[in-house]
Amino acid sequence: MNNNTIQKARSQIEAGKLWRAKEVLRGTIAQTDFSEELYEEYGKVLLALGDMYEAGKYLFLAGNHIDQYREAIDLYLSRNPNKDYRQLYSSFPRKARLGAIEKYPAQTRVKLEALGFPAKPKDAELRFEPTSLKARIQMLFGVLVVVSLLLVLIIGFLHGLYIVGRWLTDLFR
């Protein structure tokens, strides 16, 4: 299936339809297991379209780190300033999160090892959950709702004490 997809993409490139080749490859990448050839072809299309960062990601994963791909790969890797393998791993497409380092191509494996990627990682070691603005807003909203409910309960309790106190003072006058 991958060879057929790559042929379809190449025919779209020859027809001058890079955007269509990108769609063909992206759809297959989302549906099939990790394939070095497919990722390299997709990376080349992204490179031709000028999307250096995304091209670098797919070319890095493809494992063919030749000179013409170096700038894109270096750009992709530079977006991980803390050199945290978990952050880098979380940026991989879901189908490229292979877990064990030996499942990656040799050149990719060397870079991952340099970042401290463990030989046999546990799932928890690979999780990196950056807190997005949306998640932060949702957490803030949740906290505000809880605080508001607590304030309503406290005010209601104090108001109840006030009413009982007035009733008791009126009762004993």
C-alpha atoms as a PDB file:
ATOM      1  CA  MET A   1       0.000   0.000   0.000  1.00  0.00           C
ATOM      2  CA  ASN A   2       2.830   2.417   0.824  1.00  0.00           C
ATOM      3  CA  ASN A   3       4.462   1.957  -2.602  1.00  0.00           C
ATOM      4  CA  ASN A   4       1.122   2.597  -4.276  1.00  0.00           C
ATOM      5  CA  THR A   5       0.630   5.743  -2.179  1.00  0.00           C
ATOM      6  CA  ILE A   6       4.137   6.971  -2.941  1.00  0.00           C
ATOM      7  CA  GLN A   7       3.530   6.419  -6.673  1.00  0.00           C
ATOM      8  CA  LYS A   8       0.260   8.393  -6.460  1.00  0.00           C
ATOM      9  CA  ALA A   9       2.060  11.195  -4.651  1.00  0.00           C
ATOM     10  CA  ARG A  10       4.891  11.258  -7.200  1.00  0.00           C
ATOM     11  CA  SER A  11       2.411  11.460 -10.068  1.00  0.00           C
ATOM     12  CA  GLN A  12       0.748  14.433  -8.347  1.00  0.00           C
ATOM     13  CA  ILE A  13       4.178  16.077  -7.943  1.00  0.00           C
ATOM     14  CA  GLU A  14       4.918  15.546 -11.643  1.00  0.00           C
ATOM     15  CA  ALA A  15       1.561  17.177 -12.426  1.00  0.00           C
ATOM     16  CA  GLY A  16       2.639  20.184 -10.354  1.00  0.00           C
ATOM     17  CA  LYS A  17       0.159  19.479  -7.563  1.00  0.00           C
ATOM     18  CA  LEU A  18       2.349  19.422  -4.448  1.00  0.00           C
ATOM     19  CA  TRP A  19      -0.657  20.203  -2.263  1.00  0.00           C
ATOM     20  CA  ARG A  20      -2.412  17.088  -3.529  1.00  0.00           C
ATOM     21  CA  ALA A  21       0.672  14.926  -2.987  1.00  0.00           C
ATOM     22  CA  LYS A  22       0.768  16.228   0.583  1.00  0.00           C
ATOM     23  CA  GLU A  23      -2.863  15.230   1.130  1.00  0.00           C
ATOM     24  CA  VAL A  24      -2.337  11.752  -0.294  1.00  0.00           C
ATOM     25  CA  LEU A  25       0.692  11.086   1.893  1.00  0.00           C
ATOM     26  CA  ARG A  26      -0.759  12.665   5.040  1.00  0.00           C
ATOM     27  CA  GLY A  27      -3.899  10.510   4.797  1.00  0.00           C
ATOM     28  CA  THR A  28      -1.845   7.339   4.477  1.00  0.00           C
ATOM     29  CA  ILE A  29       0.504   8.299   7.326  1.00  0.00           C
ATOM     30  CA  ALA A  30      -2.461   8.751   9.650  1.00  0.00           C
ATOM     31  CA  GLN A  31      -3.856   5.315   8.788  1.00  0.00           C
ATOM     32  CA  THR A  32      -0.840   3.036   8.457  1.00  0.00           C
ATOM     33  CA  ASP A  33       2.028   1.892  10.627  1.00  0.00           C
ATOM     34  CA  PHE A  34       5.348   3.720  10.667  1.00  0.00           C
ATOM     35  CA  SER A  35       7.194   3.521   7.334  1.00  0.00           C
ATOM     36  CA  GLU A  36      10.595   5.101   6.703  1.00  0.00           C
ATOM     37  CA  GLU A  37       9.931   5.442   2.962  1.00  0.00           C
ATOM     38  CA  LEU A  38       6.534   7.055   3.464  1.00  0.00           C
ATOM     39  CA  TYR A  39       7.869   9.510   6.060  1.00  0.00           C
ATOM     40  CA  GLU A  40      10.791  10.476   3.831  1.00  0.00           C
ATOM     41  CA  GLU A  41       8.529  11.054   0.847  1.00  0.00           C
ATOM     42  CA  TYR A  42       6.182  13.178   2.958  1.00  0.00           C
ATOM     43  CA  GLY A  43       9.149  15.109   4.343  1.00  0.00           C
ATOM     44  CA  LYS A  44      10.401  15.820   0.813  1.00  0.00           C
ATOM     45  CA  VAL A  45       6.981  17.154  -0.203  1.00  0.00           C
ATOM     46  CA  LEU A  46       6.835  19.379   2.877  1.00  0.00           C
ATOM     47  CA  LEU A  47      10.361  20.580   2.124  1.00  0.00           C
ATOM     48  CA  ALA A  48       9.322  21.466  -1.440  1.00  0.00           C
ATOM     49  CA  LEU A  49       6.330  23.369  -0.016  1.00  0.00           C
ATOM     50  CA  GLY A  50       8.639  25.307   2.315  1.00  0.00           C
ATOM     51  CA  ASP A  51       7.340  23.847   5.579  1.00  0.00           C
ATOM     52  CA  MET A  52      10.804  23.359   7.070  1.00  0.00           C
ATOM     53  CA  TYR A  53       9.760  22.450  10.616  1.00  0.00           C
ATOM     54  CA  GLU A  54       7.271  19.723   9.653  1.00  0.00           C
ATOM     55  CA  ALA A  55       9.607  18.490   6.916  1.00  0.00           C
ATOM     56  CA  GLY A  56      12.367  18.213   9.516  1.00  0.00           C
ATOM     57  CA  LYS A  57      10.131  16.132  11.768  1.00  0.00           C
ATOM     58  CA  TYR A  58       9.299  13.566   9.101  1.00  0.00           C
ATOM     59  CA  LEU A  59      12.799  13.487   7.617  1.00  0.00           C
ATOM     60  CA  PHE A  60      14.265  13.013  11.101  1.00  0.00           C
ATOM     61  CA  LEU A  61      11.935  10.081  11.737  1.00  0.00           C
ATOM     62  CA  ALA A  62      12.643   8.584   8.299  1.00  0.00           C
ATOM     63  CA  GLY A  63      16.263   8.202   9.347  1.00  0.00           C
ATOM     64  CA  ASN A  64      17.938   9.299   6.114  1.00  0.00           C
ATOM     65  CA  HIS A  65      19.824  12.314   7.457  1.00  0.00           C
ATOM     66  CA  ILE A  66      21.514  13.431   4.239  1.00  0.00           C
ATOM     67  CA  ASP A  67      22.913  16.931   3.734  1.00  0.00           C
ATOM     68  CA  GLN A  68      19.955  18.259   1.765  1.00  0.00           C
ATOM     69  CA  TYR A  69      17.681  17.444   4.738  1.00  0.00           C
ATOM     70  CA  ARG A  70      20.091  18.753   7.410  1.00  0.00           C
ATOM     71  CA  GLU A  71      18.675  22.297   7.693  1.00  0.00           C
ATOM     72  CA  ALA A  72      15.102  21.073   8.148  1.00  0.00           C
ATOM     73  CA  ILE A  73      16.099  18.361  10.639  1.00  0.00           C
ATOM     74  CA  ASP A  74      18.236  20.813  12.624  1.00  0.00           C
ATOM     75  CA  LEU A  75      15.327  23.281  12.751  1.00  0.00           C
ATOM     76  CA  TYR A  76      13.015  20.564  14.054  1.00  0.00           C
ATOM     77  CA  LEU A  77      15.489  19.450  16.713  1.00  0.00           C
ATOM     78  CA  SER A  78      16.231  23.068  17.724  1.00  0.00           C
ATOM     79  CA  ARG A  79      12.615  23.499  18.813  1.00  0.00           C
ATOM     80  CA  ASN A  80      13.460  21.220  21.738  1.00  0.00           C
ATOM     81  CA  PRO A  81      15.775  23.619  23.599  1.00  0.00           C
ATOM     82  CA  ASN A  82      15.762  21.608  26.836  1.00  0.00           C
ATOM     83  CA  LYS A  83      16.991  18.512  24.992  1.00  0.00           C
ATOM     84  CA  ASP A  84      14.174  16.559  26.636  1.00  0.00           C
ATOM     85  CA  TYR A  85      13.486  13.319  24.787  1.00  0.00           C
ATOM     86  CA  ARG A  86       9.933  13.221  26.198  1.00  0.00           C
ATOM     87  CA  GLN A  87       9.101  16.591  24.663  1.00  0.00           C
ATOM     88  CA  LEU A  88      10.566  15.514  21.330  1.00  0.00           C
ATOM     89  CA  TYR A  89       8.745  12.168  21.505  1.00  0.00           C
ATOM     90  CA  SER A  90       5.433  13.915  22.206  1.00  0.00           C
ATOM     91  CA  SER A  91       5.846  15.880  18.962  1.00  0.00           C
ATOM     92  CA  PHE A  92       6.033  12.667  16.889  1.00  0.00           C
ATOM     93  CA  PRO A  93       2.916  11.631  14.970  1.00  0.00           C
ATOM     94  CA  ARG A  94       0.973   9.008  16.923  1.00  0.00           C
ATOM     95  CA  LYS A  95       1.911   6.189  14.516  1.00  0.00           C
ATOM     96  CA  ALA A  96       5.616   7.100  14.935  1.00  0.00           C
ATOM     97  CA  ARG A  97       5.579   6.733  18.721  1.00  0.00           C
ATOM     98  CA  LEU A  98       7.137   3.314  18.574  1.00  0.00           C
ATOM     99  CA  GLY A  99       8.241   3.073  22.202  1.00  0.00           C
ATOM    100  CA  ALA A 100      11.385   0.994  22.009  1.00  0.00           C
ATOM    101  CA  ILE A 101      14.369   2.821  20.545  1.00  0.00           C
ATOM    102  CA  GLU A 102      15.502  -0.145  18.433  1.00  0.00           C
ATOM    103  CA  LYS A 103      12.377   0.242  16.271  1.00  0.00           C
ATOM    104  CA  TYR A 104      13.683   3.536  14.838  1.00  0.00           C
ATOM    105  CA  PRO A 105      16.109   3.852  11.906  1.00  0.00           C
ATOM    106  CA  ALA A 106      19.809   3.872  12.865  1.00  0.00           C
ATOM    107  CA  GLN A 107      20.485   7.616  12.375  1.00  0.00           C
ATOM    108  CA  THR A 108      17.312   8.560  14.252  1.00  0.00           C
ATOM    109  CA  ARG A 109      18.220   6.150  17.024  1.00  0.00           C
ATOM    110  CA  VAL A 110      21.658   7.786  17.444  1.00  0.00           C
ATOM    111  CA  LYS A 111      20.053  11.226  17.893  1.00  0.00           C
ATOM    112  CA  LEU A 112      17.475   9.861  20.326  1.00  0.00           C
ATOM    113  CA  GLU A 113      20.181   8.153  22.373  1.00  0.00           C
ATOM    114  CA  ALA A 114      22.097  11.443  22.526  1.00  0.00           C
ATOM    115  CA  LEU A 115      18.962  13.029  24.026  1.00  0.00           C
ATOM    116  CA  GLY A 116      18.831  10.343  26.720  1.00  0.00           C
ATOM    117  CA  PHE A 117      16.042   8.219  25.243  1.00  0.00           C
ATOM    118  CA  PRO A 118      16.025   5.055  27.389  1.00  0.00           C
ATOM    119  CA  ALA A 119      16.625   1.667  25.793  1.00  0.00           C
ATOM    120  CA  LYS A 120      13.367   0.225  27.176  1.00  0.00           C
ATOM    121  CA  PRO A 121      11.226   3.125  28.303  1.00  0.00           C
ATOM    122  CA  LYS A 122       8.132   2.766  30.435  1.00  0.00           C
ATOM    123  CA  ASP A 123       5.002   4.531  29.211  1.00  0.00           C
ATOM    124  CA  ALA A 124       5.242   7.084  32.012  1.00  0.00           C
ATOM    125  CA  GLU A 125       8.776   8.010  30.918  1.00  0.00           C
ATOM    126  CA  LEU A 126       7.526   8.955  27.466  1.00  0.00           C
ATOM    127  CA  ARG A 127       4.676  11.194  28.534  1.00  0.00           C
ATOM    128  CA  PHE A 128       5.182  14.886  28.175  1.00  0.00           C
ATOM    129  CA  GLU A 129       2.017  16.875  28.516  1.00  0.00           C
ATOM    130  CA  PRO A 130       2.661  20.530  27.845  1.00  0.00           C
ATOM    131  CA  THR A 131      -0.027  22.669  29.413  1.00  0.00           C
ATOM    132  CA  SER A 132      -1.767  24.519  26.625  1.00  0.00           C
ATOM    133  CA  LEU A 133      -3.512  27.841  27.031  1.00  0.00           C
ATOM    134  CA  LYS A 134      -6.851  26.101  26.540  1.00  0.00           C
ATOM    135  CA  ALA A 135      -6.086  23.616  29.338  1.00  0.00           C
ATOM    136  CA  ARG A 136      -4.998  26.414  31.646  1.00  0.00           C
ATOM    137  CA  ILE A 137      -8.212  28.351  30.983  1.00  0.00           C
ATOM    138  CA  GLN A 138     -10.282  25.228  31.653  1.00  0.00           C
ATOM    139  CA  MET A 139      -8.459  24.629  34.945  1.00  0.00           C
ATOM    140  CA  LEU A 140      -8.928  28.271  35.951  1.00  0.00           C
ATOM    141  CA  PHE A 141     -12.638  28.057  35.136  1.00  0.00           C
ATOM    142  CA  GLY A 142     -12.967  24.909  37.251  1.00  0.00           C
ATOM    143  CA  VAL A 143     -11.213  26.537  40.189  1.00  0.00           C
ATOM    144  CA  LEU A 144     -13.452  29.614  39.895  1.00  0.00           C
ATOM    145  CA  VAL A 145     -16.578  27.443  39.923  1.00  0.00           C
ATOM    146  CA  VAL A 146     -15.444  25.581  43.054  1.00  0.00           C
ATOM    147  CA  VAL A 147     -14.468  28.812  44.849  1.00  0.00           C
ATOM    148  CA  SER A 148     -17.797  30.404  43.898  1.00  0.00           C
ATOM    149  CA  LEU A 149     -19.734  27.437  45.267  1.00  0.00           C
ATOM    150  CA  LEU A 150     -17.763  27.561  48.509  1.00  0.00           C
ATOM    151  CA  LEU A 151     -18.453  31.293  48.852  1.00  0.00           C
ATOM    152  CA  VAL A 152     -22.172  30.740  48.315  1.00  0.00           C
ATOM    153  CA  LEU A 153     -22.173  28.024  50.977  1.00  0.00           C
ATOM    154  CA  ILE A 154     -20.287  30.198  53.475  1.00  0.00           C
ATOM    155  CA  ILE A 155     -22.520  33.216  52.848  1.00  0.00           C
ATOM    156  CA  GLY A 156     -25.614  31.014  53.159  1.00  0.00           C
ATOM    157  CA  PHE A 157     -24.334  29.563  56.434  1.00  0.00           C
ATOM    158  CA  LEU A 158     -23.539  33.016  57.859  1.00  0.00           C
ATOM    159  CA  HIS A 159     -26.917  34.371  56.749  1.00  0.00           C
ATOM    160  CA  GLY A 160     -28.592  31.375  58.429  1.00  0.00           C
ATOM    161  CA  LEU A 161     -26.697  32.102  61.667  1.00  0.00           C
ATOM    162  CA  TYR A 162     -27.788  35.745  61.490  1.00  0.00           C
ATOM    163  CA  ILE A 163     -31.453  34.762  61.028  1.00  0.00           C
ATOM    164  CA  VAL A 164     -31.302  32.226  63.889  1.00  0.00           C
ATOM    165  CA  GLY A 165     -29.575  34.817  66.101  1.00  0.00           C
ATOM    166  CA  ARG A 166     -32.286  37.426  65.412  1.00  0.00           C
ATOM    167  CA  TRP A 167     -34.996  34.865  66.024  1.00  0.00           C
ATOM    168  CA  LEU A 168     -33.408  33.885  69.362  1.00  0.00           C
ATOM    169  CA  THR A 169     -33.051  37.525  70.483  1.00  0.00           C
ATOM    170  CA  ASP A 170     -36.674  38.240  69.517  1.00  0.00           C
ATOM    171  CA  LEU A 171     -37.761  35.094  71.343  1.00  0.00           C
ATOM    172  CA  PHE A 172     -36.137  36.103  74.647  1.00  0.00           C
ATOM    173  CA  ARG A 173     -37.216  39.781  74.722  1.00  0.00           C
END
